[in-house]
């Protein structure tokens, strides 16, 4: 894995988990970009979005490129997607799982 992070090193550390989860669960084709923020697959929390795009060579996936970013608020029952009163992660924010 080759990685570069201009921000929080946490994103670089979880890219391998995110790419492996996407490749394992989704059959990607040229032009696809997969978005997920599922903390059970990416190792972070719901506000961290990840994008994975395959790069093809002769019709086969040669490697994947990925990008991670943090969003302040992605829905849920409280501002900022943080709540002390909800127990389930799906009530704190929108979850885009694979």
N, C-alpha and C. Protein backbone atom coordinates (compact mmCIF):
# COMPACT_ATOMS: atom_id res chain seq x y z
N UNK A 1 0.84 -1.17 0.00
CA UNK A 1 0.00 0.00 0.00
C UNK A 1 0.89 1.23 0.00
N UNK A 2 0.57 2.17 -0.87
CA UNK A 2 1.22 3.47 -0.89
C UNK A 2 0.19 4.47 -0.40
N UNK A 3 0.55 5.31 0.56
CA UNK A 3 -0.43 6.22 1.14
C UNK A 3 0.19 7.59 1.38
N UNK A 4 -0.64 8.61 1.30
CA UNK A 4 -0.25 9.98 1.58
C UNK A 4 -1.39 10.64 2.34
N UNK A 5 -1.06 11.31 3.41
CA UNK A 5 -2.08 11.99 4.19
C UNK A 5 -1.65 13.42 4.46
N UNK A 6 -2.48 14.36 4.05
CA UNK A 6 -2.20 15.77 4.31
C UNK A 6 -2.88 16.23 5.58
N UNK A 7 -3.62 15.38 6.19
CA UNK A 7 -4.38 15.75 7.39
C UNK A 7 -4.09 14.79 8.51
N UNK A 8 -5.15 14.23 9.05
CA UNK A 8 -5.03 13.32 10.18
C UNK A 8 -4.49 11.97 9.71
N UNK A 9 -3.39 11.49 10.30
CA UNK A 9 -2.82 10.19 9.90
C UNK A 9 -3.77 9.02 10.09
N UNK A 10 -4.81 9.19 10.90
CA UNK A 10 -5.80 8.12 11.13
C UNK A 10 -6.37 7.61 9.81
N UNK A 11 -6.66 8.52 8.88
CA UNK A 11 -7.25 8.11 7.61
C UNK A 11 -6.32 7.16 6.86
N UNK A 12 -5.04 7.48 6.83
CA UNK A 12 -4.08 6.62 6.14
C UNK A 12 -4.02 5.24 6.78
N UNK A 13 -4.14 5.19 8.09
CA UNK A 13 -4.05 3.91 8.80
C UNK A 13 -5.22 2.98 8.56
N UNK A 14 -6.37 3.51 8.15
CA UNK A 14 -7.54 2.66 7.94
C UNK A 14 -7.86 2.42 6.47
N UNK A 15 -7.09 3.00 5.57
CA UNK A 15 -7.36 2.81 4.14
C UNK A 15 -7.31 1.34 3.74
N UNK A 16 -6.36 0.59 4.28
CA UNK A 16 -6.27 -0.82 3.89
C UNK A 16 -7.52 -1.59 4.32
N UNK A 17 -8.06 -1.28 5.52
CA UNK A 17 -9.29 -1.94 5.97
C UNK A 17 -10.46 -1.60 5.05
N UNK A 18 -10.55 -0.35 4.68
CA UNK A 18 -11.65 0.10 3.84
C UNK A 18 -11.58 -0.54 2.45
N UNK A 19 -10.40 -0.54 1.84
CA UNK A 19 -10.25 -1.12 0.50
C UNK A 19 -10.52 -2.62 0.54
N UNK A 20 -9.99 -3.31 1.52
CA UNK A 20 -10.23 -4.76 1.62
C UNK A 20 -11.72 -5.07 1.78
N UNK A 21 -12.43 -4.29 2.60
CA UNK A 21 -13.86 -4.50 2.80
C UNK A 21 -14.64 -4.27 1.51
N UNK A 22 -14.28 -3.25 0.77
CA UNK A 22 -14.97 -2.95 -0.49
C UNK A 22 -14.71 -4.04 -1.51
N UNK A 23 -13.46 -4.42 -1.69
CA UNK A 23 -13.10 -5.44 -2.68
C UNK A 23 -13.74 -6.78 -2.36
N UNK A 24 -13.83 -7.10 -1.07
CA UNK A 24 -14.42 -8.38 -0.64
C UNK A 24 -15.92 -8.43 -0.91
N UNK A 25 -16.62 -7.30 -0.80
CA UNK A 25 -18.07 -7.29 -0.85
C UNK A 25 -18.68 -6.84 -2.17
N UNK A 26 -17.92 -6.11 -2.98
CA UNK A 26 -18.50 -5.52 -4.18
C UNK A 26 -17.67 -5.87 -5.41
N UNK A 27 -18.35 -6.32 -6.45
CA UNK A 27 -17.68 -6.57 -7.73
C UNK A 27 -17.69 -5.24 -8.49
N UNK A 28 -16.53 -4.62 -8.57
CA UNK A 28 -16.44 -3.29 -9.17
C UNK A 28 -16.12 -3.37 -10.66
N UNK A 29 -16.62 -2.40 -11.37
CA UNK A 29 -16.36 -2.28 -12.80
C UNK A 29 -15.73 -0.93 -13.08
N UNK A 30 -15.20 -0.76 -14.29
CA UNK A 30 -14.57 0.51 -14.64
C UNK A 30 -15.54 1.65 -14.46
N UNK A 31 -15.07 2.73 -13.85
CA UNK A 31 -15.90 3.89 -13.62
C UNK A 31 -16.60 3.90 -12.28
N UNK A 32 -16.57 2.80 -11.55
CA UNK A 32 -17.23 2.74 -10.24
C UNK A 32 -16.44 3.52 -9.19
N UNK A 33 -17.17 4.13 -8.29
CA UNK A 33 -16.61 4.73 -7.08
C UNK A 33 -17.53 4.29 -5.94
N UNK A 34 -16.98 3.65 -4.95
CA UNK A 34 -17.76 3.14 -3.83
C UNK A 34 -17.55 4.07 -2.64
N UNK A 35 -18.66 4.47 -2.02
CA UNK A 35 -18.61 5.34 -0.85
C UNK A 35 -19.11 4.56 0.37
N UNK A 36 -18.40 4.67 1.48
CA UNK A 36 -18.85 4.04 2.71
C UNK A 36 -18.39 4.84 3.93
N UNK A 37 -19.14 4.76 4.97
CA UNK A 37 -18.73 5.31 6.26
C UNK A 37 -19.03 4.32 7.37
N UNK A 38 -19.19 3.07 7.02
CA UNK A 38 -19.55 2.03 7.99
C UNK A 38 -18.39 1.82 8.97
N UNK A 39 -18.56 2.20 10.24
CA UNK A 39 -17.46 2.10 11.19
C UNK A 39 -17.05 0.66 11.49
N UNK A 40 -17.94 -0.29 11.23
CA UNK A 40 -17.61 -1.68 11.47
C UNK A 40 -16.68 -2.23 10.40
N UNK A 41 -16.59 -1.55 9.26
CA UNK A 41 -15.71 -1.98 8.18
C UNK A 41 -14.49 -1.09 8.03
N UNK A 42 -14.61 0.16 8.40
CA UNK A 42 -13.51 1.09 8.17
C UNK A 42 -12.70 1.39 9.42
N UNK A 43 -13.21 1.05 10.59
CA UNK A 43 -12.45 1.23 11.81
C UNK A 43 -12.48 2.63 12.39
N UNK A 44 -13.29 3.53 11.84
CA UNK A 44 -13.37 4.88 12.41
C UNK A 44 -14.79 5.14 12.87
N UNK A 45 -15.36 6.29 12.59
CA UNK A 45 -16.73 6.56 13.01
C UNK A 45 -17.55 7.09 11.84
N UNK A 46 -18.84 7.26 12.07
CA UNK A 46 -19.78 7.57 10.99
C UNK A 46 -19.46 8.85 10.23
N UNK A 47 -18.83 9.80 10.86
CA UNK A 47 -18.53 11.06 10.19
C UNK A 47 -17.37 10.95 9.20
N UNK A 48 -16.66 9.85 9.20
CA UNK A 48 -15.54 9.66 8.29
C UNK A 48 -16.01 8.91 7.05
N UNK A 49 -16.03 9.61 5.92
CA UNK A 49 -16.44 9.02 4.64
C UNK A 49 -15.21 8.49 3.91
N UNK A 50 -15.39 7.37 3.26
CA UNK A 50 -14.32 6.81 2.45
C UNK A 50 -14.81 6.53 1.04
N UNK A 51 -13.96 6.79 0.07
CA UNK A 51 -14.27 6.56 -1.33
C UNK A 51 -13.20 5.65 -1.92
N UNK A 52 -13.62 4.61 -2.63
CA UNK A 52 -12.69 3.66 -3.23
C UNK A 52 -13.02 3.54 -4.71
N UNK A 53 -11.97 3.64 -5.55
CA UNK A 53 -12.15 3.53 -6.99
C UNK A 53 -11.12 2.54 -7.55
N UNK A 54 -11.56 1.55 -8.29
CA UNK A 54 -10.63 0.59 -8.88
C UNK A 54 -9.95 1.18 -10.11
N UNK A 55 -8.72 0.77 -10.33
CA UNK A 55 -7.99 1.13 -11.55
C UNK A 55 -7.72 -0.17 -12.29
N UNK A 56 -8.15 -0.21 -13.53
CA UNK A 56 -8.09 -1.45 -14.31
C UNK A 56 -6.90 -1.47 -15.27
N UNK A 57 -6.41 -2.69 -15.54
CA UNK A 57 -5.38 -2.93 -16.54
C UNK A 57 -5.75 -4.23 -17.25
N UNK A 58 -6.00 -4.14 -18.54
CA UNK A 58 -6.42 -5.31 -19.34
C UNK A 58 -7.67 -5.97 -18.77
N UNK A 59 -8.61 -5.18 -18.29
CA UNK A 59 -9.88 -5.70 -17.81
C UNK A 59 -9.88 -6.23 -16.38
N UNK A 60 -8.73 -6.18 -15.71
CA UNK A 60 -8.64 -6.66 -14.33
C UNK A 60 -8.29 -5.50 -13.40
N UNK A 61 -8.74 -5.58 -12.17
CA UNK A 61 -8.40 -4.56 -11.19
C UNK A 61 -6.91 -4.67 -10.87
N UNK A 62 -6.16 -3.62 -11.19
CA UNK A 62 -4.73 -3.60 -10.91
C UNK A 62 -4.47 -3.11 -9.49
N UNK A 63 -5.21 -2.07 -9.09
CA UNK A 63 -5.11 -1.54 -7.74
C UNK A 63 -6.31 -0.62 -7.51
N UNK A 64 -6.44 -0.14 -6.31
CA UNK A 64 -7.52 0.78 -5.97
C UNK A 64 -6.93 2.07 -5.43
N UNK A 65 -7.59 3.16 -5.73
CA UNK A 65 -7.24 4.43 -5.10
C UNK A 65 -8.36 4.77 -4.13
N UNK A 66 -8.00 5.43 -3.05
CA UNK A 66 -9.01 5.76 -2.06
C UNK A 66 -8.76 7.14 -1.47
N UNK A 67 -9.82 7.68 -0.93
CA UNK A 67 -9.78 9.00 -0.32
C UNK A 67 -10.68 8.97 0.89
N UNK A 68 -10.23 9.57 1.96
CA UNK A 68 -11.04 9.66 3.17
C UNK A 68 -11.24 11.11 3.55
N UNK A 69 -12.35 11.38 4.19
CA UNK A 69 -12.63 12.74 4.63
C UNK A 69 -13.61 12.73 5.78
N UNK A 70 -13.60 13.80 6.53
CA UNK A 70 -14.46 13.92 7.70
C UNK A 70 -15.55 14.94 7.41
N UNK A 71 -16.79 14.56 7.66
CA UNK A 71 -17.93 15.47 7.53
C UNK A 71 -18.44 15.82 8.92
N UNK A 72 -18.74 17.08 9.14
CA UNK A 72 -19.17 17.51 10.47
C UNK A 72 -20.52 16.97 10.87
N UNK A 73 -21.45 16.88 9.93
CA UNK A 73 -22.80 16.45 10.27
C UNK A 73 -23.39 15.67 9.11
N UNK A 74 -23.78 14.43 9.36
CA UNK A 74 -24.37 13.61 8.29
C UNK A 74 -25.73 13.06 8.69
N UNK A 75 -26.45 13.82 9.48
CA UNK A 75 -27.79 13.41 9.87
C UNK A 75 -27.83 12.86 11.27
N UNK A 76 -28.95 12.33 11.63
CA UNK A 76 -29.13 11.80 12.97
C UNK A 76 -29.98 12.72 13.83
N UNK A 77 -30.10 12.40 15.10
CA UNK A 77 -31.00 13.13 15.96
C UNK A 77 -30.34 14.27 16.74
N UNK A 78 -29.08 14.57 16.46
CA UNK A 78 -28.42 15.67 17.14
C UNK A 78 -27.42 16.34 16.19
N UNK A 79 -27.16 17.60 16.46
CA UNK A 79 -26.23 18.36 15.63
C UNK A 79 -24.83 17.77 15.75
N UNK A 80 -24.15 17.65 14.62
CA UNK A 80 -22.80 17.10 14.63
C UNK A 80 -22.73 15.60 14.64
N UNK A 81 -23.87 14.93 14.59
CA UNK A 81 -23.95 13.47 14.56
C UNK A 81 -23.42 12.81 15.83
N UNK A 82 -23.30 13.55 16.90
CA UNK A 82 -22.87 12.99 18.18
C UNK A 82 -24.02 13.08 19.17
N UNK A 83 -24.31 11.99 19.82
CA UNK A 83 -25.39 11.98 20.79
C UNK A 83 -25.05 11.04 21.92
N UNK A 84 -25.31 11.47 23.12
CA UNK A 84 -25.07 10.63 24.29
C UNK A 84 -26.29 9.81 24.68
N UNK A 85 -27.43 10.09 24.05
CA UNK A 85 -28.65 9.41 24.46
C UNK A 85 -29.06 8.28 23.53
N UNK A 86 -28.42 8.13 22.40
CA UNK A 86 -28.78 7.05 21.49
C UNK A 86 -27.74 5.95 21.58
N UNK A 87 -28.18 4.74 21.65
CA UNK A 87 -27.27 3.62 21.79
C UNK A 87 -26.80 3.04 20.46
N UNK A 88 -27.65 3.12 19.44
CA UNK A 88 -27.30 2.52 18.15
C UNK A 88 -26.68 3.56 17.24
N UNK A 89 -25.65 3.14 16.51
CA UNK A 89 -24.96 4.07 15.62
C UNK A 89 -25.86 4.59 14.51
N UNK A 90 -26.84 3.80 14.10
CA UNK A 90 -27.73 4.24 13.03
C UNK A 90 -28.65 5.37 13.46
N UNK A 91 -28.79 5.61 14.74
CA UNK A 91 -29.60 6.72 15.21
C UNK A 91 -28.77 8.00 15.35
N UNK A 92 -27.46 7.86 15.40
CA UNK A 92 -26.60 9.03 15.56
C UNK A 92 -26.33 9.73 14.22
N UNK A 93 -26.32 8.97 13.14
CA UNK A 93 -26.01 9.55 11.83
C UNK A 93 -26.38 8.56 10.74
N UNK A 94 -26.38 9.02 9.52
CA UNK A 94 -26.64 8.14 8.38
C UNK A 94 -25.45 7.22 8.18
N UNK A 95 -25.73 5.94 7.93
CA UNK A 95 -24.64 4.98 7.70
C UNK A 95 -24.77 4.40 6.30
N UNK A 96 -23.70 4.51 5.54
CA UNK A 96 -23.66 3.98 4.18
C UNK A 96 -22.81 2.72 4.22
N UNK A 97 -23.46 1.59 4.37
CA UNK A 97 -22.72 0.33 4.50
C UNK A 97 -22.69 -0.41 3.17
N UNK A 98 -21.80 -1.38 3.11
CA UNK A 98 -21.62 -2.15 1.87
C UNK A 98 -22.56 -3.33 1.83
